[in-house]
């Protein structure tokens, strides 16, 4: 049940224009300090996961590894997405709350 809430919140944040997706855009928002939360697909390459994990640790941005590329992309109404950043603190807080109760955290 939590996963539906998580995906719904990602969808709402996207509709509100408070998400970016794709490796380049996500990295840019993390480094600029605008990213409140980063979500990377579980089926992303090990290289991608390591890159974002290290970057988020360095810039103190919470990171979660969740579901697969298709699911994340579908939640955003797009093709598959390996990474996305939530730019709104409120959406990020809500998603983190549900992620934590699902115990899907890495960071």
C-alpha atoms as a PDB file:
ATOM      1  CA  UNK A   1       0.000   0.000   0.000  1.00  0.00           C
ATOM      2  CA  UNK A   2       2.849   2.392   0.791  1.00  0.00           C
ATOM      3  CA  UNK A   3       4.327   1.924  -2.660  1.00  0.00           C
ATOM      4  CA  UNK A   4       1.146   3.326  -4.227  1.00  0.00           C
ATOM      5  CA  UNK A   5       1.400   6.395  -1.991  1.00  0.00           C
ATOM      6  CA  UNK A   6       5.065   6.826  -2.867  1.00  0.00           C
ATOM      7  CA  UNK A   7       4.358   6.590  -6.596  1.00  0.00           C
ATOM      8  CA  UNK A   8       1.359   8.916  -6.244  1.00  0.00           C
ATOM      9  CA  UNK A   9       3.488  11.512  -4.470  1.00  0.00           C
ATOM     10  CA  UNK A  10       6.116  11.253  -7.197  1.00  0.00           C
ATOM     11  CA  UNK A  11       3.363  11.790  -9.761  1.00  0.00           C
ATOM     12  CA  UNK A  12       1.954  14.797  -7.882  1.00  0.00           C
ATOM     13  CA  UNK A  13       5.393  16.341  -7.508  1.00  0.00           C
ATOM     14  CA  UNK A  14       5.971  15.872 -11.240  1.00  0.00           C
ATOM     15  CA  UNK A  15       2.644  17.521 -12.101  1.00  0.00           C
ATOM     16  CA  UNK A  16       3.589  20.398  -9.805  1.00  0.00           C
ATOM     17  CA  UNK A  17       6.876  20.775 -11.674  1.00  0.00           C
ATOM     18  CA  UNK A  18       8.909  19.881  -8.601  1.00  0.00           C
ATOM     19  CA  UNK A  19      10.870  16.937 -10.030  1.00  0.00           C
ATOM     20  CA  UNK A  20      13.670  16.442 -12.512  1.00  0.00           C
ATOM     21  CA  UNK A  21      14.705  13.128 -13.987  1.00  0.00           C
ATOM     22  CA  UNK A  22      17.573  11.663 -15.898  1.00  0.00           C
ATOM     23  CA  UNK A  23      21.174  11.400 -14.852  1.00  0.00           C
ATOM     24  CA  UNK A  24      22.333  14.834 -16.018  1.00  0.00           C
ATOM     25  CA  UNK A  25      19.408  16.842 -14.578  1.00  0.00           C
ATOM     26  CA  UNK A  26      19.416  14.949 -11.279  1.00  0.00           C
ATOM     27  CA  UNK A  27      23.159  15.475 -10.861  1.00  0.00           C
ATOM     28  CA  UNK A  28      22.807  19.199 -11.669  1.00  0.00           C
ATOM     29  CA  UNK A  29      20.077  19.705  -9.040  1.00  0.00           C
ATOM     30  CA  UNK A  30      22.015  17.814  -6.354  1.00  0.00           C
ATOM     31  CA  UNK A  31      25.152  19.873  -6.973  1.00  0.00           C
ATOM     32  CA  UNK A  32      23.185  23.146  -7.042  1.00  0.00           C
ATOM     33  CA  UNK A  33      21.633  22.328  -3.663  1.00  0.00           C
ATOM     34  CA  UNK A  34      18.026  22.347  -4.914  1.00  0.00           C
ATOM     35  CA  UNK A  35      17.407  18.587  -4.612  1.00  0.00           C
ATOM     36  CA  UNK A  36      15.567  17.614  -1.423  1.00  0.00           C
ATOM     37  CA  UNK A  37      15.546  13.892  -2.207  1.00  0.00           C
ATOM     38  CA  UNK A  38      17.028  11.585  -4.841  1.00  0.00           C
ATOM     39  CA  UNK A  39      15.446   8.298  -5.924  1.00  0.00           C
ATOM     40  CA  UNK A  40      17.402   5.832  -8.032  1.00  0.00           C
ATOM     41  CA  UNK A  41      15.873   2.708  -9.597  1.00  0.00           C
ATOM     42  CA  UNK A  42      16.945  -0.585  -8.030  1.00  0.00           C
ATOM     43  CA  UNK A  43      17.690  -1.969 -11.478  1.00  0.00           C
ATOM     44  CA  UNK A  44      19.982   0.928 -12.435  1.00  0.00           C
ATOM     45  CA  UNK A  45      23.581  -0.026 -13.146  1.00  0.00           C
ATOM     46  CA  UNK A  46      25.914  -0.481 -10.207  1.00  0.00           C
ATOM     47  CA  UNK A  47      27.981   2.394 -11.570  1.00  0.00           C
ATOM     48  CA  UNK A  48      24.962   4.742 -11.552  1.00  0.00           C
ATOM     49  CA  UNK A  49      23.943   3.702  -8.034  1.00  0.00           C
ATOM     50  CA  UNK A  50      27.483   4.202  -6.697  1.00  0.00           C
ATOM     51  CA  UNK A  51      27.816   7.579  -8.416  1.00  0.00           C
ATOM     52  CA  UNK A  52      24.578   8.930  -6.932  1.00  0.00           C
ATOM     53  CA  UNK A  53      25.207   7.379  -3.500  1.00  0.00           C
ATOM     54  CA  UNK A  54      28.622   9.070  -3.276  1.00  0.00           C
ATOM     55  CA  UNK A  55      27.312  12.381  -4.634  1.00  0.00           C
ATOM     56  CA  UNK A  56      24.344  12.442  -2.251  1.00  0.00           C
ATOM     57  CA  UNK A  57      26.545  11.574   0.723  1.00  0.00           C
ATOM     58  CA  UNK A  58      28.895  14.418  -0.196  1.00  0.00           C
ATOM     59  CA  UNK A  59      26.103  16.991  -0.683  1.00  0.00           C
ATOM     60  CA  UNK A  60      24.008  15.664   2.261  1.00  0.00           C
ATOM     61  CA  UNK A  61      20.961  14.792   0.165  1.00  0.00           C
ATOM     62  CA  UNK A  62      18.846  11.779   1.213  1.00  0.00           C
ATOM     63  CA  UNK A  63      18.900   8.982  -1.376  1.00  0.00           C
ATOM     64  CA  UNK A  64      16.665   5.950  -1.773  1.00  0.00           C
ATOM     65  CA  UNK A  65      16.873   2.983  -4.108  1.00  0.00           C
ATOM     66  CA  UNK A  66      13.354   2.050  -5.151  1.00  0.00           C
ATOM     67  CA  UNK A  67      11.534  -0.251  -7.572  1.00  0.00           C
ATOM     68  CA  UNK A  68      12.605  -0.321 -11.207  1.00  0.00           C
ATOM     69  CA  UNK A  69      13.121   2.109 -14.084  1.00  0.00           C
ATOM     70  CA  UNK A  70       9.738   1.369 -15.656  1.00  0.00           C
ATOM     71  CA  UNK A  71       7.837   1.964 -12.407  1.00  0.00           C
ATOM     72  CA  UNK A  72       9.617   5.256 -11.701  1.00  0.00           C
ATOM     73  CA  UNK A  73       9.109   6.436 -15.268  1.00  0.00           C
ATOM     74  CA  UNK A  74       5.436   5.449 -15.220  1.00  0.00           C
ATOM     75  CA  UNK A  75       4.888   7.362 -11.958  1.00  0.00           C
ATOM     76  CA  UNK A  76       6.258  10.461 -13.692  1.00  0.00           C
ATOM     77  CA  UNK A  77       4.208   9.857 -16.828  1.00  0.00           C
ATOM     78  CA  UNK A  78       7.345   9.308 -18.911  1.00  0.00           C
ATOM     79  CA  UNK A  79       9.484   6.545 -20.352  1.00  0.00           C
ATOM     80  CA  UNK A  80      11.694   4.602 -17.956  1.00  0.00           C
ATOM     81  CA  UNK A  81      13.788   6.695 -15.571  1.00  0.00           C
ATOM     82  CA  UNK A  82      16.839   5.466 -13.648  1.00  0.00           C
ATOM     83  CA  UNK A  83      17.103   8.542 -11.433  1.00  0.00           C
ATOM     84  CA  UNK A  84      15.005  11.472 -10.314  1.00  0.00           C
ATOM     85  CA  UNK A  85      15.264  14.319  -7.834  1.00  0.00           C
ATOM     86  CA  UNK A  86      12.423  15.811  -5.809  1.00  0.00           C
ATOM     87  CA  UNK A  87      12.914  19.580  -5.523  1.00  0.00           C
ATOM     88  CA  UNK A  88      10.208  20.306  -2.955  1.00  0.00           C
ATOM     89  CA  UNK A  89      10.868  19.739   0.747  1.00  0.00           C
ATOM     90  CA  UNK A  90       7.199  18.911   1.467  1.00  0.00           C
ATOM     91  CA  UNK A  91       6.962  16.213  -1.213  1.00  0.00           C
ATOM     92  CA  UNK A  92      10.368  14.871  -0.169  1.00  0.00           C
ATOM     93  CA  UNK A  93       9.263  14.622   3.464  1.00  0.00           C
ATOM     94  CA  UNK A  94       6.090  12.742   2.525  1.00  0.00           C
ATOM     95  CA  UNK A  95       7.915  10.309   0.265  1.00  0.00           C
ATOM     96  CA  UNK A  96      10.629   9.703   2.872  1.00  0.00           C
ATOM     97  CA  UNK A  97       7.989   8.995   5.527  1.00  0.00           C
ATOM     98  CA  UNK A  98       6.423   6.263   3.378  1.00  0.00           C
ATOM     99  CA  UNK A  99       9.805   4.916   2.256  1.00  0.00           C
ATOM    100  CA  UNK A 100      10.965   4.640   5.856  1.00  0.00           C
ATOM    101  CA  UNK A 101       7.844   2.740   6.902  1.00  0.00           C
ATOM    102  CA  UNK A 102       8.451   0.392   3.979  1.00  0.00           C
ATOM    103  CA  UNK A 103      12.086   0.054   5.115  1.00  0.00           C
ATOM    104  CA  UNK A 104      13.458   0.551   1.652  1.00  0.00           C
ATOM    105  CA  UNK A 105      16.263   2.828   2.729  1.00  0.00           C
ATOM    106  CA  UNK A 106      19.918   2.611   1.952  1.00  0.00           C
ATOM    107  CA  UNK A 107      21.034   6.009   3.236  1.00  0.00           C
END
